[in-house]
Each structure stands twice: as C-alpha cells, then as structure tokens.
Amino acid sequence: MSITLRQLEIFIAVAETAQVTKASKKLFVTQSAVSMALAELENQLGGSLFDRHGRSLLLNERGRYLLPLSKEILCQVGNVENIMSEKNDTLSGQINVVASTTIGDYILPYLIGAFKRMHPQVHINMLVHHTRYAESLVLDGKVEVGFVEGQINNPDTVKRLWFKDELVVIAGPTDPLSHKSLFDVEKDFTNTRWIMREEGSGTVAIFRDKMKKYLDQINVIMEMGHPESIKKAVESGVGLGCLSSLTVCREVEHGWLKTLQFDGVDMERKLHVISRKNLKMNDSLAEFLAFCDIMSTCSQSRACLSSPWKLQSLLAKQSVQKK
C-alpha cells in the first residue's frame, strides 16, 4: 500500500503535539485512527519515527528527516488546490498596467498567469516600456499603475516600494572572469568589453550612477535595447554585461551564464509600484496589487523566476503559512 496524504497529515499533527490524544483532537478523529495510521506509516517506511517517553512521542532522527518533506508534499497539494483549481470568482473587469523592461519581461508574466488562474474573469493588459515612458503613461491616465525599476522624480507620481533587486555582472561560460564570484571594480575593468542597455533604461542609469568613478575605464562596445539581446551577446563571448539578477535566473541555473557580484559597490536597487495621485482603485486592481506583494514578502522571490512552477510552489507555501 502506498503512503497516503492522510498518513502524512497525521504524522505532522503528532510531531507538532507530541501526543496521540492531542493530535486526534486537532484533526477531529479518534485516537485509534491516529495510532493505526501512524503504525501503518512506520511499517511502510521500515522503522519508527518517534521515541516514546511515557505518553509523549518525540521525533527521532528518521522522523526529523521526514517532517520537512511531509510539509513540502502537503504544500504541493495545496498548490494544486489553491492555485490551479477553478474558484467561484466574483472579480471581473479590466486592469491596465505598464512595466519597465526587466519587470515586464521577467516578473509580471508569471504573476499575471497565476492571478488569472485564480480570477479568470479579470482581463489584464500589460505594456512594456522603459521607466521614463512608463511613468508618462501612468501620469497621462493611459494605464492605472506601473511597475518600474528606474528613478521616479515627478511630484505627481505616487510610488511605493515593491521589493529589492540587485544588478550583477554577467559573463559567458568561457570568459576569463567566469571562474570568479566577485567583480573587483578596482581591477577587473581593465581589458574588458561591455554590452550595455540603451539610454533611458533604468538599469543603465543605475549602473552609471554607481560606477561614476570608473566610467573612463569602461569600454562599451555596443548598446542594446533588450536584456535578451545582451544575454545572447554575452553568452557568445563578445563581452560582459550588467543586468538585474532577476533576468538571468534560468541561464544561470542551466550554466549558460555566470553572475558576479560587484565587490565593494552596493548595486542593490528598489523596484516600485507607481500610480497617479487620487487614483480610484477598483476591487480587481486592489486584489491584483495585493497578490503581487508575494514578491516582497518571501525571501525566495528570485528563485521562483526561473520557472512558473517554482512560482506556484512559492504561492502555495505562502498560502499555507497564512492559515
């Protein structure tokens, strides 16, 4: 007989309460049902999971190993139930957003996909432009909100911190610097060539601001209007690039690119949600913005961006933690 989810649920309850009696009350089942399920689970796994001390059951080494695995399995089930299943949904309508390139290409698509599974009657339109133009669309009322990575200075723009990001050096797998984990700004600019984002990009504005002491040493051989173009050029060995760590999750995971953190320079940047003053927010937009805040509340936000399934796992974990 295969291990059942109910057995794992009972095992977790006993582990957390240390008593069969308390676990049975927590799960609203009889003590005999708890004891039987636990005995079957231990039999199937070929050994005990608890050390028995009087009426208390304390996890042994095998049990301590199984506990986080059991919780992870139930999280994945929660993923299917809470994220993938159809819901009786009352939200409807249309949301218009704009995002700067990094966010629009690498963050929001997964979030919008997951949100649409939960609220299929909400239609979301997303435009992608660099930060400067994105802000103008928000101020002109052509979109309700923007998600941006660059500087916002217009006093008529309302902004709030979404979450933090970091710019990193990217190198191809055969680049001389690819064996390093840190980029020494005092030494490593020598004899390097760079492929950079275009003028107006939030990424290049932050890079230039942080590297103003070293601009005369930086040999920019080309500028490109999209992170994907830069990644392909770097992967081919043309030179180095500087991009958000959020844009290269998949390439790093597969070994196509290597990232180096800047040594001695803080390259952290803040991503913001922006809107115009006195924006009247409908229920659908408010729900979507609250949903997007998953990125700011979980330390695993970057890891989930190499796959939509990792994002769904993250969402399921957050859902379980809130219960």
C-alpha atoms as a PDB file:
ATOM      1  CA  MET A   1       0.000   0.000   0.000  1.00  0.00           C
ATOM      2  CA  SER A   2       1.269   3.499  -0.864  1.00  0.00           C
ATOM      3  CA  ILE A   3       1.765   6.251   1.685  1.00  0.00           C
ATOM      4  CA  THR A   4      -1.316   8.469   1.834  1.00  0.00           C
ATOM      5  CA  LEU A   5      -1.640  12.195   2.356  1.00  0.00           C
ATOM      6  CA  ARG A   6      -3.812  11.483   5.398  1.00  0.00           C
ATOM      7  CA  GLN A   7      -0.975   9.484   6.973  1.00  0.00           C
ATOM      8  CA  LEU A   8       1.414  12.391   6.443  1.00  0.00           C
ATOM      9  CA  GLU A   9      -1.125  14.832   7.869  1.00  0.00           C
ATOM     10  CA  ILE A  10      -1.498  12.648  10.977  1.00  0.00           C
ATOM     11  CA  PHE A  11       2.275  12.258  11.285  1.00  0.00           C
ATOM     12  CA  ILE A  12       2.711  16.068  11.200  1.00  0.00           C
ATOM     13  CA  ALA A  13      -0.018  16.540  13.824  1.00  0.00           C
ATOM     14  CA  VAL A  14       1.606  14.006  16.174  1.00  0.00           C
ATOM     15  CA  ALA A  15       5.029  15.602  15.605  1.00  0.00           C
ATOM     16  CA  GLU A  16       3.651  19.044  16.466  1.00  0.00           C
ATOM     17  CA  THR A  17       1.607  17.981  19.515  1.00  0.00           C
ATOM     18  CA  ALA A  18       3.862  15.137  20.781  1.00  0.00           C
ATOM     19  CA  GLN A  19       0.773  13.137  21.795  1.00  0.00           C
ATOM     20  CA  VAL A  20      -1.733  10.896  20.044  1.00  0.00           C
ATOM     21  CA  THR A  21      -4.536  12.328  22.185  1.00  0.00           C
ATOM     22  CA  LYS A  22      -3.800  15.939  21.226  1.00  0.00           C
ATOM     23  CA  ALA A  23      -3.279  15.025  17.560  1.00  0.00           C
ATOM     24  CA  SER A  24      -6.664  13.272  17.439  1.00  0.00           C
ATOM     25  CA  LYS A  25      -8.386  16.349  18.880  1.00  0.00           C
ATOM     26  CA  LYS A  26      -6.580  18.612  16.435  1.00  0.00           C
ATOM     27  CA  LEU A  27      -7.687  16.501  13.459  1.00  0.00           C
ATOM     28  CA  PHE A  28     -11.157  15.585  14.832  1.00  0.00           C
ATOM     29  CA  VAL A  29     -10.531  11.841  14.550  1.00  0.00           C
ATOM     30  CA  THR A  30     -10.355   9.045  17.088  1.00  0.00           C
ATOM     31  CA  GLN A  31      -7.167   8.155  18.953  1.00  0.00           C
ATOM     32  CA  SER A  32      -7.279   4.665  17.494  1.00  0.00           C
ATOM     33  CA  ALA A  33      -7.379   6.101  13.949  1.00  0.00           C
ATOM     34  CA  VAL A  34      -4.284   8.198  14.702  1.00  0.00           C
ATOM     35  CA  SER A  35      -2.431   5.257  16.240  1.00  0.00           C
ATOM     36  CA  MET A  36      -3.353   2.962  13.343  1.00  0.00           C
ATOM     37  CA  ALA A  37      -2.293   5.479  10.676  1.00  0.00           C
ATOM     38  CA  LEU A  38       0.990   6.134  12.446  1.00  0.00           C
ATOM     39  CA  ALA A  39       1.714   2.424  12.835  1.00  0.00           C
ATOM     40  CA  GLU A  40       0.990   1.808   9.148  1.00  0.00           C
ATOM     41  CA  LEU A  41       3.247   4.677   8.119  1.00  0.00           C
ATOM     42  CA  GLU A  42       6.118   3.427  10.267  1.00  0.00           C
ATOM     43  CA  ASN A  43       5.619  -0.093   8.900  1.00  0.00           C
ATOM     44  CA  GLN A  44       5.689   1.161   5.306  1.00  0.00           C
ATOM     45  CA  LEU A  45       8.847   3.179   5.961  1.00  0.00           C
ATOM     46  CA  GLY A  46      10.584   0.280   7.700  1.00  0.00           C
ATOM     47  CA  GLY A  47      11.145   1.764  11.136  1.00  0.00           C
ATOM     48  CA  SER A  48       9.907   4.018  13.916  1.00  0.00           C
ATOM     49  CA  LEU A  49       9.624   7.781  13.548  1.00  0.00           C
ATOM     50  CA  PHE A  50       9.277   8.648  17.229  1.00  0.00           C
ATOM     51  CA  ASP A  51      10.949   7.865  20.533  1.00  0.00           C
ATOM     52  CA  ARG A  52       8.305   7.138  23.129  1.00  0.00           C
ATOM     53  CA  HIS A  53       8.716   8.782  26.539  1.00  0.00           C
ATOM     54  CA  GLY A  54       5.726   7.967  28.698  1.00  0.00           C
ATOM     55  CA  ARG A  55       2.692   9.481  26.962  1.00  0.00           C
ATOM     56  CA  SER A  56       4.859  11.732  24.779  1.00  0.00           C
ATOM     57  CA  LEU A  57       6.083  10.948  21.300  1.00  0.00           C
ATOM     58  CA  LEU A  58       9.290  12.761  20.327  1.00  0.00           C
ATOM     59  CA  LEU A  59      10.698  12.706  16.821  1.00  0.00           C
ATOM     60  CA  ASN A  60      13.773  10.554  16.334  1.00  0.00           C
ATOM     61  CA  GLU A  61      16.354  11.147  13.598  1.00  0.00           C
ATOM     62  CA  ARG A  62      14.188   9.457  10.940  1.00  0.00           C
ATOM     63  CA  GLY A  63      11.172  11.473  11.989  1.00  0.00           C
ATOM     64  CA  ARG A  64      13.083  14.756  11.922  1.00  0.00           C
ATOM     65  CA  TYR A  65      14.153  13.944   8.367  1.00  0.00           C
ATOM     66  CA  LEU A  66      10.604  13.109   7.283  1.00  0.00           C
ATOM     67  CA  LEU A  67       8.864  16.130   8.844  1.00  0.00           C
ATOM     68  CA  PRO A  68      10.002  18.866   6.406  1.00  0.00           C
ATOM     69  CA  LEU A  69       9.489  16.504   3.455  1.00  0.00           C
ATOM     70  CA  SER A  70       5.928  15.803   4.584  1.00  0.00           C
ATOM     71  CA  LYS A  71       5.165  19.506   4.920  1.00  0.00           C
ATOM     72  CA  GLU A  72       6.605  20.135   1.454  1.00  0.00           C
ATOM     73  CA  ILE A  73       4.388  17.418  -0.053  1.00  0.00           C
ATOM     74  CA  LEU A  74       1.293  18.926   1.549  1.00  0.00           C
ATOM     75  CA  CYS A  75       2.387  22.348   0.275  1.00  0.00           C
ATOM     76  CA  GLN A  76       2.477  20.983  -3.255  1.00  0.00           C
ATOM     77  CA  VAL A  77      -1.014  19.576  -2.806  1.00  0.00           C
ATOM     78  CA  GLY A  78      -2.066  22.987  -1.554  1.00  0.00           C
ATOM     79  CA  ASN A  79      -0.536  24.363  -4.727  1.00  0.00           C
ATOM     80  CA  VAL A  80      -2.905  22.265  -6.823  1.00  0.00           C
ATOM     81  CA  GLU A  81      -5.923  23.035  -4.689  1.00  0.00           C
ATOM     82  CA  ASN A  82      -5.362  26.740  -4.041  1.00  0.00           C
ATOM     83  CA  ILE A  83      -3.653  27.955  -7.199  1.00  0.00           C
ATOM     84  CA  MET A  84      -4.610  25.634 -10.052  1.00  0.00           C
ATOM     85  CA  SER A  85      -8.209  24.792  -9.243  1.00  0.00           C
ATOM     86  CA  GLU A  86     -11.188  26.747 -10.501  1.00  0.00           C
ATOM     87  CA  LYS A  87     -12.824  29.012  -7.978  1.00  0.00           C
ATOM     88  CA  ASN A  88     -16.233  30.587  -7.782  1.00  0.00           C
ATOM     89  CA  ASP A  89     -14.916  34.031  -8.506  1.00  0.00           C
ATOM     90  CA  THR A  90     -16.766  37.309  -8.353  1.00  0.00           C
ATOM     91  CA  LEU A  91     -13.952  39.572  -9.546  1.00  0.00           C
ATOM     92  CA  SER A  92     -14.184  40.777 -13.115  1.00  0.00           C
ATOM     93  CA  GLY A  93     -13.236  43.716 -15.280  1.00  0.00           C
ATOM     94  CA  GLN A  94     -10.090  45.035 -16.882  1.00  0.00           C
ATOM     95  CA  ILE A  95      -6.745  46.149 -15.466  1.00  0.00           C
ATOM     96  CA  ASN A  96      -4.252  48.197 -17.496  1.00  0.00           C
ATOM     97  CA  VAL A  97      -0.649  48.206 -16.292  1.00  0.00           C
ATOM     98  CA  VAL A  98       2.731  49.185 -17.653  1.00  0.00           C
ATOM     99  CA  ALA A  99       6.061  47.733 -16.622  1.00  0.00           C
ATOM    100  CA  SER A 100       9.646  48.626 -17.292  1.00  0.00           C
ATOM    101  CA  THR A 101      11.544  46.035 -19.306  1.00  0.00           C
ATOM    102  CA  THR A 102      13.013  43.822 -16.593  1.00  0.00           C
ATOM    103  CA  ILE A 103       9.771  43.603 -14.647  1.00  0.00           C
ATOM    104  CA  GLY A 104       7.543  43.273 -17.706  1.00  0.00           C
ATOM    105  CA  ASP A 105       9.589  40.508 -19.286  1.00  0.00           C
ATOM    106  CA  TYR A 106      10.746  38.508 -16.278  1.00  0.00           C
ATOM    107  CA  ILE A 107       8.461  39.070 -13.287  1.00  0.00           C
ATOM    108  CA  LEU A 108       4.905  40.084 -14.119  1.00  0.00           C
ATOM    109  CA  PRO A 109       4.118  37.417 -16.756  1.00  0.00           C
ATOM    110  CA  TYR A 110       4.346  34.609 -14.191  1.00  0.00           C
ATOM    111  CA  LEU A 111       2.399  36.629 -11.627  1.00  0.00           C
ATOM    112  CA  ILE A 112      -0.308  37.536 -14.123  1.00  0.00           C
ATOM    113  CA  GLY A 113      -0.595  33.887 -15.198  1.00  0.00           C
ATOM    114  CA  ALA A 114      -1.042  32.701 -11.618  1.00  0.00           C
ATOM    115  CA  PHE A 115      -3.512  35.507 -10.856  1.00  0.00           C
ATOM    116  CA  LYS A 116      -5.579  34.647 -13.938  1.00  0.00           C
ATOM    117  CA  ARG A 117      -5.930  31.054 -12.748  1.00  0.00           C
ATOM    118  CA  MET A 118      -7.490  32.372  -9.565  1.00  0.00           C
ATOM    119  CA  HIS A 119      -9.563  35.135 -11.188  1.00  0.00           C
ATOM    120  CA  PRO A 120     -10.331  34.102 -14.781  1.00  0.00           C
ATOM    121  CA  GLN A 121     -12.885  36.896 -15.294  1.00  0.00           C
ATOM    122  CA  VAL A 122     -10.280  39.636 -14.803  1.00  0.00           C
ATOM    123  CA  HIS A 123      -8.650  40.780 -18.056  1.00  0.00           C
ATOM    124  CA  ILE A 124      -5.134  42.243 -17.677  1.00  0.00           C
ATOM    125  CA  ASN A 125      -3.441  44.351 -20.351  1.00  0.00           C
ATOM    126  CA  MET A 126       0.278  44.934 -19.879  1.00  0.00           C
ATOM    127  CA  LEU A 127       2.529  47.314 -21.819  1.00  0.00           C
ATOM    128  CA  VAL A 128       6.327  47.150 -21.568  1.00  0.00           C
ATOM    129  CA  HIS A 129       8.434  50.327 -21.842  1.00  0.00           C
ATOM    130  CA  HIS A 130      11.488  51.786 -20.143  1.00  0.00           C
ATOM    131  CA  THR A 131      10.909  53.570 -16.844  1.00  0.00           C
ATOM    132  CA  ARG A 132      10.741  57.112 -18.156  1.00  0.00           C
ATOM    133  CA  TYR A 133       7.990  56.374 -20.680  1.00  0.00           C
ATOM    134  CA  ALA A 134       6.161  54.078 -18.272  1.00  0.00           C
ATOM    135  CA  GLU A 135       5.821  56.941 -15.826  1.00  0.00           C
ATOM    136  CA  SER A 136       4.391  59.206 -18.524  1.00  0.00           C
ATOM    137  CA  LEU A 137       1.712  56.625 -19.352  1.00  0.00           C
ATOM    138  CA  VAL A 138       0.706  56.473 -15.692  1.00  0.00           C
ATOM    139  CA  LEU A 139       0.536  60.261 -15.354  1.00  0.00           C
ATOM    140  CA  ASP A 140      -1.461  60.591 -18.588  1.00  0.00           C
ATOM    141  CA  GLY A 141      -4.053  58.118 -17.280  1.00  0.00           C
ATOM    142  CA  LYS A 142      -3.474  55.603 -20.078  1.00  0.00           C
ATOM    143  CA  VAL A 143      -2.772  52.882 -17.508  1.00  0.00           C
ATOM    144  CA  GLU A 144      -3.745  52.576 -13.851  1.00  0.00           C
ATOM    145  CA  VAL A 145      -0.406  51.536 -12.359  1.00  0.00           C
ATOM    146  CA  GLY A 146       3.194  50.959 -13.330  1.00  0.00           C
ATOM    147  CA  PHE A 147       5.881  48.588 -12.099  1.00  0.00           C
ATOM    148  CA  VAL A 148       9.277  50.227 -12.577  1.00  0.00           C
ATOM    149  CA  GLU A 149      12.941  49.795 -11.718  1.00  0.00           C
ATOM    150  CA  GLY A 150      14.316  53.263 -12.518  1.00  0.00           C
ATOM    151  CA  GLN A 151      14.284  56.595 -10.722  1.00  0.00           C
ATOM    152  CA  ILE A 152      10.943  58.374 -10.259  1.00  0.00           C
ATOM    153  CA  ASN A 153      11.126  62.107  -9.611  1.00  0.00           C
ATOM    154  CA  ASN A 154       7.827  63.652 -10.758  1.00  0.00           C
ATOM    155  CA  PRO A 155       5.978  65.030  -7.694  1.00  0.00           C
ATOM    156  CA  ASP A 156       2.644  63.986  -9.217  1.00  0.00           C
ATOM    157  CA  THR A 157       3.674  60.320  -9.155  1.00  0.00           C
ATOM    158  CA  VAL A 158       2.754  58.229  -6.128  1.00  0.00           C
ATOM    159  CA  LYS A 159       5.225  55.404  -5.557  1.00  0.00           C
ATOM    160  CA  ARG A 160       5.634  52.621  -3.045  1.00  0.00           C
ATOM    161  CA  LEU A 161       8.406  50.108  -2.582  1.00  0.00           C
ATOM    162  CA  TRP A 162       7.636  46.725  -4.104  1.00  0.00           C
ATOM    163  CA  PHE A 163      10.790  44.688  -3.459  1.00  0.00           C
ATOM    164  CA  LYS A 164      14.548  44.937  -3.858  1.00  0.00           C
ATOM    165  CA  ASP A 165      16.692  43.768  -6.730  1.00  0.00           C
ATOM    166  CA  GLU A 166      20.433  43.654  -7.434  1.00  0.00           C
ATOM    167  CA  LEU A 167      22.448  44.391 -10.541  1.00  0.00           C
ATOM    168  CA  VAL A 168      25.140  41.824 -11.315  1.00  0.00           C
ATOM    169  CA  VAL A 169      27.900  41.332 -13.867  1.00  0.00           C
ATOM    170  CA  ILE A 170      27.107  38.576 -16.349  1.00  0.00           C
ATOM    171  CA  ALA A 171      29.830  36.651 -18.146  1.00  0.00           C
ATOM    172  CA  GLY A 172      29.850  33.865 -20.701  1.00  0.00           C
ATOM    173  CA  PRO A 173      30.994  30.404 -19.597  1.00  0.00           C
ATOM    174  CA  THR A 174      34.346  30.801 -21.394  1.00  0.00           C
ATOM    175  CA  ASP A 175      35.081  34.362 -20.248  1.00  0.00           C
ATOM    176  CA  PRO A 176      38.320  34.747 -18.220  1.00  0.00           C
ATOM    177  CA  LEU A 177      36.282  36.151 -15.317  1.00  0.00           C
ATOM    178  CA  SER A 178      33.689  33.354 -15.309  1.00  0.00           C
ATOM    179  CA  HIS A 179      35.554  31.413 -12.596  1.00  0.00           C
ATOM    180  CA  LYS A 180      35.134  34.290 -10.135  1.00  0.00           C
ATOM    181  CA  SER A 181      32.185  35.061  -7.878  1.00  0.00           C
ATOM    182  CA  LEU A 182      33.085  38.726  -7.306  1.00  0.00           C
ATOM    183  CA  PHE A 183      33.915  41.517  -9.755  1.00  0.00           C
ATOM    184  CA  ASP A 184      36.673  43.752  -8.371  1.00  0.00           C
ATOM    185  CA  VAL A 185      35.767  47.265  -9.549  1.00  0.00           C
ATOM    186  CA  GLU A 186      39.291  48.482  -8.826  1.00  0.00           C
ATOM    187  CA  LYS A 187      40.967  45.928 -11.092  1.00  0.00           C
ATOM    188  CA  ASP A 188      38.601  43.970 -13.314  1.00  0.00           C
ATOM    189  CA  PHE A 189      37.517  46.791 -15.663  1.00  0.00           C
ATOM    190  CA  THR A 190      40.931  46.532 -17.313  1.00  0.00           C
ATOM    191  CA  ASN A 191      40.820  44.827 -20.728  1.00  0.00           C
ATOM    192  CA  THR A 192      37.100  44.113 -20.531  1.00  0.00           C
ATOM    193  CA  ARG A 193      34.440  44.958 -23.115  1.00  0.00           C
ATOM    194  CA  TRP A 194      30.846  45.731 -22.214  1.00  0.00           C
ATOM    195  CA  ILE A 195      27.428  45.363 -23.812  1.00  0.00           C
ATOM    196  CA  MET A 196      25.017  47.781 -22.118  1.00  0.00           C
ATOM    197  CA  ARG A 197      21.316  48.668 -22.130  1.00  0.00           C
ATOM    198  CA  GLU A 198      20.108  51.657 -24.145  1.00  0.00           C
ATOM    199  CA  GLU A 199      19.803  55.257 -22.948  1.00  0.00           C
ATOM    200  CA  GLY A 200      16.681  55.751 -20.833  1.00  0.00           C
ATOM    201  CA  SER A 201      16.886  52.294 -19.289  1.00  0.00           C
ATOM    202  CA  GLY A 202      16.665  52.180 -15.503  1.00  0.00           C
ATOM    203  CA  THR A 203      19.400  49.546 -15.461  1.00  0.00           C
ATOM    204  CA  VAL A 204      21.959  51.661 -17.311  1.00  0.00           C
ATOM    205  CA  ALA A 205      21.085  54.776 -15.275  1.00  0.00           C
ATOM    206  CA  ILE A 206      21.801  52.953 -12.013  1.00  0.00           C
ATOM    207  CA  PHE A 207      24.968  51.366 -13.420  1.00  0.00           C
ATOM    208  CA  ARG A 208      26.364  54.730 -14.470  1.00  0.00           C
ATOM    209  CA  ASP A 209      25.465  56.333 -11.173  1.00  0.00           C
ATOM    210  CA  LYS A 210      27.097  53.580  -9.130  1.00  0.00           C
ATOM    211  CA  MET A 211      30.139  53.392 -11.422  1.00  0.00           C
ATOM    212  CA  LYS A 212      30.719  57.132 -11.963  1.00  0.00           C
ATOM    213  CA  LYS A 213      34.243  56.867 -10.555  1.00  0.00           C
ATOM    214  CA  TYR A 214      35.134  54.247 -13.153  1.00  0.00           C
ATOM    215  CA  LEU A 215      33.312  55.422 -16.295  1.00  0.00           C
ATOM    216  CA  ASP A 216      36.546  56.345 -18.087  1.00  0.00           C
ATOM    217  CA  GLN A 217      37.718  52.724 -17.687  1.00  0.00           C
ATOM    218  CA  ILE A 218      34.580  51.084 -19.081  1.00  0.00           C
ATOM    219  CA  ASN A 219      34.860  50.102 -22.731  1.00  0.00           C
ATOM    220  CA  VAL A 220      31.270  49.937 -24.027  1.00  0.00           C
ATOM    221  CA  ILE A 221      31.394  48.270 -27.450  1.00  0.00           C
ATOM    222  CA  MET A 222      27.638  48.219 -28.076  1.00  0.00           C
ATOM    223  CA  GLU A 223      24.260  49.172 -26.626  1.00  0.00           C
ATOM    224  CA  MET A 224      21.167  47.000 -26.937  1.00  0.00           C
ATOM    225  CA  GLY A 225      17.524  47.678 -26.238  1.00  0.00           C
ATOM    226  CA  HIS A 226      16.617  44.417 -24.561  1.00  0.00           C
ATOM    227  CA  PRO A 227      18.129  42.151 -21.865  1.00  0.00           C
ATOM    228  CA  GLU A 228      17.694  39.088 -24.106  1.00  0.00           C
ATOM    229  CA  SER A 229      19.978  40.623 -26.743  1.00  0.00           C
ATOM    230  CA  ILE A 230      22.592  41.398 -24.116  1.00  0.00           C
ATOM    231  CA  LYS A 231      22.410  37.889 -22.678  1.00  0.00           C
ATOM    232  CA  LYS A 232      22.895  36.291 -26.093  1.00  0.00           C
ATOM    233  CA  ALA A 233      25.856  38.565 -26.890  1.00  0.00           C
ATOM    234  CA  VAL A 234      27.486  37.818 -23.539  1.00  0.00           C
ATOM    235  CA  GLU A 235      26.865  34.092 -23.912  1.00  0.00           C
ATOM    236  CA  SER A 236      28.616  34.184 -27.310  1.00  0.00           C
ATOM    237  CA  GLY A 237      31.723  35.665 -25.716  1.00  0.00           C
ATOM    238  CA  VAL A 238      31.548  39.225 -27.081  1.00  0.00           C
ATOM    239  CA  GLY A 239      31.980  40.804 -23.650  1.00  0.00           C
ATOM    240  CA  LEU A 240      30.466  41.370 -20.238  1.00  0.00           C
ATOM    241  CA  GLY A 241      27.072  42.783 -19.337  1.00  0.00           C
ATOM    242  CA  CYS A 242      25.333  44.260 -16.339  1.00  0.00           C
ATOM    243  CA  LEU A 243      21.748  43.193 -15.755  1.00  0.00           C
ATOM    244  CA  SER A 244      19.294  42.549 -12.992  1.00  0.00           C
ATOM    245  CA  SER A 245      19.788  39.228 -11.260  1.00  0.00           C
ATOM    246  CA  LEU A 246      16.084  38.654 -11.979  1.00  0.00           C
ATOM    247  CA  THR A 247      16.708  38.442 -15.734  1.00  0.00           C
ATOM    248  CA  VAL A 248      19.226  35.589 -15.696  1.00  0.00           C
ATOM    249  CA  CYS A 249      17.698  33.035 -13.292  1.00  0.00           C
ATOM    250  CA  ARG A 250      17.158  30.425 -15.992  1.00  0.00           C
ATOM    251  CA  GLU A 251      20.515  30.920 -17.766  1.00  0.00           C
ATOM    252  CA  VAL A 252      22.467  30.664 -14.511  1.00  0.00           C
ATOM    253  CA  GLU A 253      20.520  27.557 -13.496  1.00  0.00           C
ATOM    254  CA  HIS A 254      21.473  25.876 -16.788  1.00  0.00           C
ATOM    255  CA  GLY A 255      25.092  27.082 -16.743  1.00  0.00           C
ATOM    256  CA  TRP A 256      24.773  29.255 -19.856  1.00  0.00           C
ATOM    257  CA  LEU A 257      25.824  32.391 -17.992  1.00  0.00           C
ATOM    258  CA  LYS A 258      27.793  33.156 -14.850  1.00  0.00           C
ATOM    259  CA  THR A 259      26.972  36.027 -12.494  1.00  0.00           C
ATOM    260  CA  LEU A 260      29.451  38.018 -10.434  1.00  0.00           C
ATOM    261  CA  GLN A 261      28.507  40.381  -7.639  1.00  0.00           C
ATOM    262  CA  PHE A 262      30.206  43.757  -7.562  1.00  0.00           C
ATOM    263  CA  ASP A 263      32.843  43.764  -4.843  1.00  0.00           C
ATOM    264  CA  GLY A 264      32.894  46.972  -2.855  1.00  0.00           C
ATOM    265  CA  VAL A 265      29.897  48.652  -4.528  1.00  0.00           C
ATOM    266  CA  ASP A 266      26.299  48.302  -3.415  1.00  0.00           C
ATOM    267  CA  MET A 267      24.332  47.501  -6.590  1.00  0.00           C
ATOM    268  CA  GLU A 268      21.007  46.962  -4.880  1.00  0.00           C
ATOM    269  CA  ARG A 269      18.068  48.814  -6.349  1.00  0.00           C
ATOM    270  CA  LYS A 270      14.451  49.250  -5.415  1.00  0.00           C
ATOM    271  CA  LEU A 271      11.531  48.260  -7.600  1.00  0.00           C
ATOM    272  CA  HIS A 272       8.427  50.398  -7.197  1.00  0.00           C
ATOM    273  CA  VAL A 273       4.731  50.334  -7.952  1.00  0.00           C
ATOM    274  CA  ILE A 274       3.639  53.759  -9.202  1.00  0.00           C
ATOM    275  CA  SER A 275       0.293  55.449  -9.783  1.00  0.00           C
ATOM    276  CA  ARG A 276      -1.045  58.942 -10.258  1.00  0.00           C
ATOM    277  CA  LYS A 277      -2.480  60.935  -7.365  1.00  0.00           C
ATOM    278  CA  ASN A 278      -6.128  60.356  -6.445  1.00  0.00           C
ATOM    279  CA  LEU A 279      -6.341  57.103  -8.423  1.00  0.00           C
ATOM    280  CA  LYS A 280      -9.648  55.377  -7.713  1.00  0.00           C
ATOM    281  CA  MET A 281      -8.785  51.711  -7.357  1.00  0.00           C
ATOM    282  CA  ASN A 282     -11.410  49.069  -8.146  1.00  0.00           C
ATOM    283  CA  ASP A 283     -11.596  45.702  -6.381  1.00  0.00           C
ATOM    284  CA  SER A 284      -9.833  43.816  -9.171  1.00  0.00           C
ATOM    285  CA  LEU A 285      -6.847  46.167  -9.210  1.00  0.00           C
ATOM    286  CA  ALA A 286      -6.591  46.162  -5.422  1.00  0.00           C
ATOM    287  CA  GLU A 287      -6.650  42.349  -5.389  1.00  0.00           C
ATOM    288  CA  PHE A 288      -4.014  42.151  -8.127  1.00  0.00           C
ATOM    289  CA  LEU A 289      -1.640  44.528  -6.316  1.00  0.00           C
ATOM    290  CA  ALA A 290      -2.091  42.603  -3.075  1.00  0.00           C
ATOM    291  CA  PHE A 291      -1.353  39.394  -4.973  1.00  0.00           C
ATOM    292  CA  CYS A 292       1.831  40.865  -6.482  1.00  0.00           C
ATOM    293  CA  ASP A 293       3.105  41.646  -2.996  1.00  0.00           C
ATOM    294  CA  ILE A 294       4.083  37.970  -2.766  1.00  0.00           C
ATOM    295  CA  MET A 295       7.398  39.135  -4.251  1.00  0.00           C
ATOM    296  CA  SER A 296       8.126  41.403  -1.304  1.00  0.00           C
ATOM    297  CA  THR A 297       7.084  39.026   1.472  1.00  0.00           C
ATOM    298  CA  CYS A 298       9.092  35.943   0.547  1.00  0.00           C
ATOM    299  CA  SER A 299      12.862  35.549   0.593  1.00  0.00           C
ATOM    300  CA  GLN A 300      12.641  33.010  -2.254  1.00  0.00           C
ATOM    301  CA  SER A 301      11.246  35.542  -4.734  1.00  0.00           C
ATOM    302  CA  ARG A 302      14.229  35.339  -7.087  1.00  0.00           C
ATOM    303  CA  ALA A 303      14.426  31.544  -7.115  1.00  0.00           C
ATOM    304  CA  CYS A 304      10.862  31.243  -8.397  1.00  0.00           C
ATOM    305  CA  LEU A 305      11.570  33.241 -11.554  1.00  0.00           C
ATOM    306  CA  SER A 306      13.347  30.518 -13.488  1.00  0.00           C
ATOM    307  CA  SER A 307      10.108  28.537 -13.811  1.00  0.00           C
ATOM    308  CA  PRO A 308       6.367  29.235 -13.451  1.00  0.00           C
ATOM    309  CA  TRP A 309       6.055  26.018 -11.451  1.00  0.00           C
ATOM    310  CA  LYS A 310       8.514  27.336  -8.873  1.00  0.00           C
ATOM    311  CA  LEU A 311       6.383  30.447  -8.530  1.00  0.00           C
ATOM    312  CA  GLN A 312       3.308  28.305  -7.973  1.00  0.00           C
ATOM    313  CA  SER A 313       5.169  26.384  -5.265  1.00  0.00           C
ATOM    314  CA  LEU A 314       6.112  29.686  -3.628  1.00  0.00           C
ATOM    315  CA  LEU A 315       2.487  30.841  -3.726  1.00  0.00           C
ATOM    316  CA  ALA A 316       1.331  27.573  -2.174  1.00  0.00           C
ATOM    317  CA  LYS A 317       3.831  27.889   0.659  1.00  0.00           C
ATOM    318  CA  GLN A 318       2.688  31.435   1.353  1.00  0.00           C
ATOM    319  CA  SER A 319      -0.925  30.254   1.365  1.00  0.00           C
ATOM    320  CA  VAL A 320      -0.144  27.518   3.902  1.00  0.00           C
ATOM    321  CA  GLN A 321       1.818  29.935   6.128  1.00  0.00           C
ATOM    322  CA  LYS A 322      -1.146  32.337   6.275  1.00  0.00           C
ATOM    323  CA  LYS A 323      -3.529  29.652   7.511  1.00  0.00           C
END
